[in-house]
């Protein structure tokens, strides 16, 4: 994560984001730089317009459902009893036997 921050700092300063620059920023923050990580971040950001990415990221709105208050929470439905009387049950069977 510190290499991403270093890349953002280099971009804000108008400097090229390369392996050497990333390692210098990380080292100046008091962290022992890792050449492999610096190389990976530098190569993954090659050709990326960070200002444009940040601009697009800020314009994206995350739409989350509004929390419901306890008073607005849906009430559980009562189970309807569907007991048929004996006459209804027999009446339904009479259609089968004519």
C-alpha atoms as a PDB file:
ATOM      1  CA  UNK A   1       0.000   0.000   0.000  1.00  0.00           C
ATOM      2  CA  UNK A   2       2.865   2.330   0.715  1.00  0.00           C
ATOM      3  CA  UNK A   3       3.970   2.058  -2.919  1.00  0.00           C
ATOM      4  CA  UNK A   4       0.548   3.207  -4.095  1.00  0.00           C
ATOM      5  CA  UNK A   5       0.805   6.205  -1.785  1.00  0.00           C
ATOM      6  CA  UNK A   6       4.313   6.854  -3.077  1.00  0.00           C
ATOM      7  CA  UNK A   7       2.984   6.770  -6.637  1.00  0.00           C
ATOM      8  CA  UNK A   8       0.279   9.270  -5.711  1.00  0.00           C
ATOM      9  CA  UNK A   9       2.871  11.562  -4.148  1.00  0.00           C
ATOM     10  CA  UNK A  10       5.110  11.368  -7.203  1.00  0.00           C
ATOM     11  CA  UNK A  11       2.130  12.094  -9.429  1.00  0.00           C
ATOM     12  CA  UNK A  12       1.122  15.105  -7.301  1.00  0.00           C
ATOM     13  CA  UNK A  13       4.675  16.416  -7.537  1.00  0.00           C
ATOM     14  CA  UNK A  14       4.598  16.040 -11.311  1.00  0.00           C
ATOM     15  CA  UNK A  15       7.418  13.508 -11.309  1.00  0.00           C
ATOM     16  CA  UNK A  16       7.715  10.300 -13.274  1.00  0.00           C
ATOM     17  CA  UNK A  17       6.488   7.201 -11.472  1.00  0.00           C
ATOM     18  CA  UNK A  18       9.354   4.788 -11.773  1.00  0.00           C
ATOM     19  CA  UNK A  19      11.025   2.161  -9.620  1.00  0.00           C
ATOM     20  CA  UNK A  20      13.736   4.529  -8.365  1.00  0.00           C
ATOM     21  CA  UNK A  21      11.287   7.274  -7.404  1.00  0.00           C
ATOM     22  CA  UNK A  22       8.985   4.882  -5.574  1.00  0.00           C
ATOM     23  CA  UNK A  23      11.878   3.445  -3.582  1.00  0.00           C
ATOM     24  CA  UNK A  24      13.115   6.927  -2.630  1.00  0.00           C
ATOM     25  CA  UNK A  25       9.674   8.018  -1.383  1.00  0.00           C
ATOM     26  CA  UNK A  26       9.204   4.824   0.621  1.00  0.00           C
ATOM     27  CA  UNK A  27      12.701   5.108   2.077  1.00  0.00           C
ATOM     28  CA  UNK A  28      12.118   8.743   3.055  1.00  0.00           C
ATOM     29  CA  UNK A  29       9.033   7.608   4.978  1.00  0.00           C
ATOM     30  CA  UNK A  30      11.250   5.398   7.124  1.00  0.00           C
ATOM     31  CA  UNK A  31      10.272   2.101   5.490  1.00  0.00           C
ATOM     32  CA  UNK A  32      12.825  -0.317   4.084  1.00  0.00           C
ATOM     33  CA  UNK A  33      12.077  -0.364   0.347  1.00  0.00           C
ATOM     34  CA  UNK A  34      11.404  -3.612  -1.481  1.00  0.00           C
ATOM     35  CA  UNK A  35      12.721  -3.495  -5.026  1.00  0.00           C
ATOM     36  CA  UNK A  36      10.312  -6.179  -6.279  1.00  0.00           C
ATOM     37  CA  UNK A  37       7.253  -4.298  -5.028  1.00  0.00           C
ATOM     38  CA  UNK A  38       8.510  -1.008  -6.434  1.00  0.00           C
ATOM     39  CA  UNK A  39       9.110  -2.671  -9.787  1.00  0.00           C
ATOM     40  CA  UNK A  40       5.643  -4.281  -9.783  1.00  0.00           C
ATOM     41  CA  UNK A  41       3.853  -1.010  -8.971  1.00  0.00           C
ATOM     42  CA  UNK A  42       5.889   0.989 -11.476  1.00  0.00           C
ATOM     43  CA  UNK A  43       5.201  -1.483 -14.271  1.00  0.00           C
ATOM     44  CA  UNK A  44       1.492  -1.738 -13.453  1.00  0.00           C
ATOM     45  CA  UNK A  45       1.107   2.057 -13.532  1.00  0.00           C
ATOM     46  CA  UNK A  46       3.039   2.503 -16.784  1.00  0.00           C
ATOM     47  CA  UNK A  47       0.763   4.314 -19.222  1.00  0.00           C
ATOM     48  CA  UNK A  48      -1.931   5.023 -16.617  1.00  0.00           C
ATOM     49  CA  UNK A  49      -3.173   8.595 -16.278  1.00  0.00           C
ATOM     50  CA  UNK A  50      -3.542   8.778 -12.503  1.00  0.00           C
ATOM     51  CA  UNK A  51      -5.215  12.192 -12.577  1.00  0.00           C
ATOM     52  CA  UNK A  52      -7.906  10.844 -14.894  1.00  0.00           C
ATOM     53  CA  UNK A  53      -8.397   7.734 -12.754  1.00  0.00           C
ATOM     54  CA  UNK A  54      -8.803   9.855  -9.632  1.00  0.00           C
ATOM     55  CA  UNK A  55     -11.203  12.181 -11.428  1.00  0.00           C
ATOM     56  CA  UNK A  56     -13.388   9.250 -12.490  1.00  0.00           C
ATOM     57  CA  UNK A  57     -13.227   7.644  -9.055  1.00  0.00           C
ATOM     58  CA  UNK A  58     -14.494  10.807  -7.406  1.00  0.00           C
ATOM     59  CA  UNK A  59     -17.451  11.055  -9.769  1.00  0.00           C
ATOM     60  CA  UNK A  60     -18.660   7.524  -9.052  1.00  0.00           C
ATOM     61  CA  UNK A  61     -21.465   7.495  -6.539  1.00  0.00           C
ATOM     62  CA  UNK A  62     -22.020   4.443  -4.427  1.00  0.00           C
ATOM     63  CA  UNK A  63     -25.709   3.766  -4.025  1.00  0.00           C
ATOM     64  CA  UNK A  64     -26.508   1.965  -0.817  1.00  0.00           C
ATOM     65  CA  UNK A  65     -30.009   1.265   0.420  1.00  0.00           C
ATOM     66  CA  UNK A  66     -31.171   3.660   3.109  1.00  0.00           C
ATOM     67  CA  UNK A  67     -31.447   2.094   6.538  1.00  0.00           C
ATOM     68  CA  UNK A  68     -34.976   1.416   7.680  1.00  0.00           C
ATOM     69  CA  UNK A  69     -36.167   2.667  10.996  1.00  0.00           C
ATOM     70  CA  UNK A  70     -37.730   0.195  13.383  1.00  0.00           C
ATOM     71  CA  UNK A  71     -41.158   1.793  12.856  1.00  0.00           C
ATOM     72  CA  UNK A  72     -40.860   1.347   9.086  1.00  0.00           C
ATOM     73  CA  UNK A  73     -39.712  -2.248   9.182  1.00  0.00           C
ATOM     74  CA  UNK A  74     -42.091  -4.614   7.423  1.00  0.00           C
ATOM     75  CA  UNK A  75     -44.262  -6.560   9.781  1.00  0.00           C
ATOM     76  CA  UNK A  76     -44.243 -10.322   9.457  1.00  0.00           C
ATOM     77  CA  UNK A  77     -47.342 -11.638   7.771  1.00  0.00           C
ATOM     78  CA  UNK A  78     -49.701 -13.714   9.809  1.00  0.00           C
ATOM     79  CA  UNK A  79     -50.122 -17.214   8.559  1.00  0.00           C
ATOM     80  CA  UNK A  80     -53.580 -17.784   7.258  1.00  0.00           C
ATOM     81  CA  UNK A  81     -55.147 -21.012   8.327  1.00  0.00           C
ATOM     82  CA  UNK A  82     -56.433 -22.905   5.362  1.00  0.00           C
ATOM     83  CA  UNK A  83     -58.387 -25.587   7.091  1.00  0.00           C
ATOM     84  CA  UNK A  84     -61.139 -27.009   4.947  1.00  0.00           C
ATOM     85  CA  UNK A  85     -64.237 -28.356   6.455  1.00  0.00           C
ATOM     86  CA  UNK A  86     -65.069 -31.977   5.842  1.00  0.00           C
ATOM     87  CA  UNK A  87     -67.880 -30.992   3.454  1.00  0.00           C
ATOM     88  CA  UNK A  88     -65.526 -28.885   1.308  1.00  0.00           C
ATOM     89  CA  UNK A  89     -63.012 -31.718   1.161  1.00  0.00           C
ATOM     90  CA  UNK A  90     -65.630 -34.241   0.129  1.00  0.00           C
ATOM     91  CA  UNK A  91     -67.132 -31.805  -2.356  1.00  0.00           C
ATOM     92  CA  UNK A  92     -63.788 -31.446  -4.043  1.00  0.00           C
ATOM     93  CA  UNK A  93     -63.428 -35.206  -4.385  1.00  0.00           C
ATOM     94  CA  UNK A  94     -66.901 -35.640  -5.841  1.00  0.00           C
ATOM     95  CA  UNK A  95     -65.694 -34.050  -9.067  1.00  0.00           C
ATOM     96  CA  UNK A  96     -63.280 -36.942  -9.515  1.00  0.00           C
ATOM     97  CA  UNK A  97     -65.954 -39.611  -9.293  1.00  0.00           C
ATOM     98  CA  UNK A  98     -68.732 -37.924 -11.258  1.00  0.00           C
END
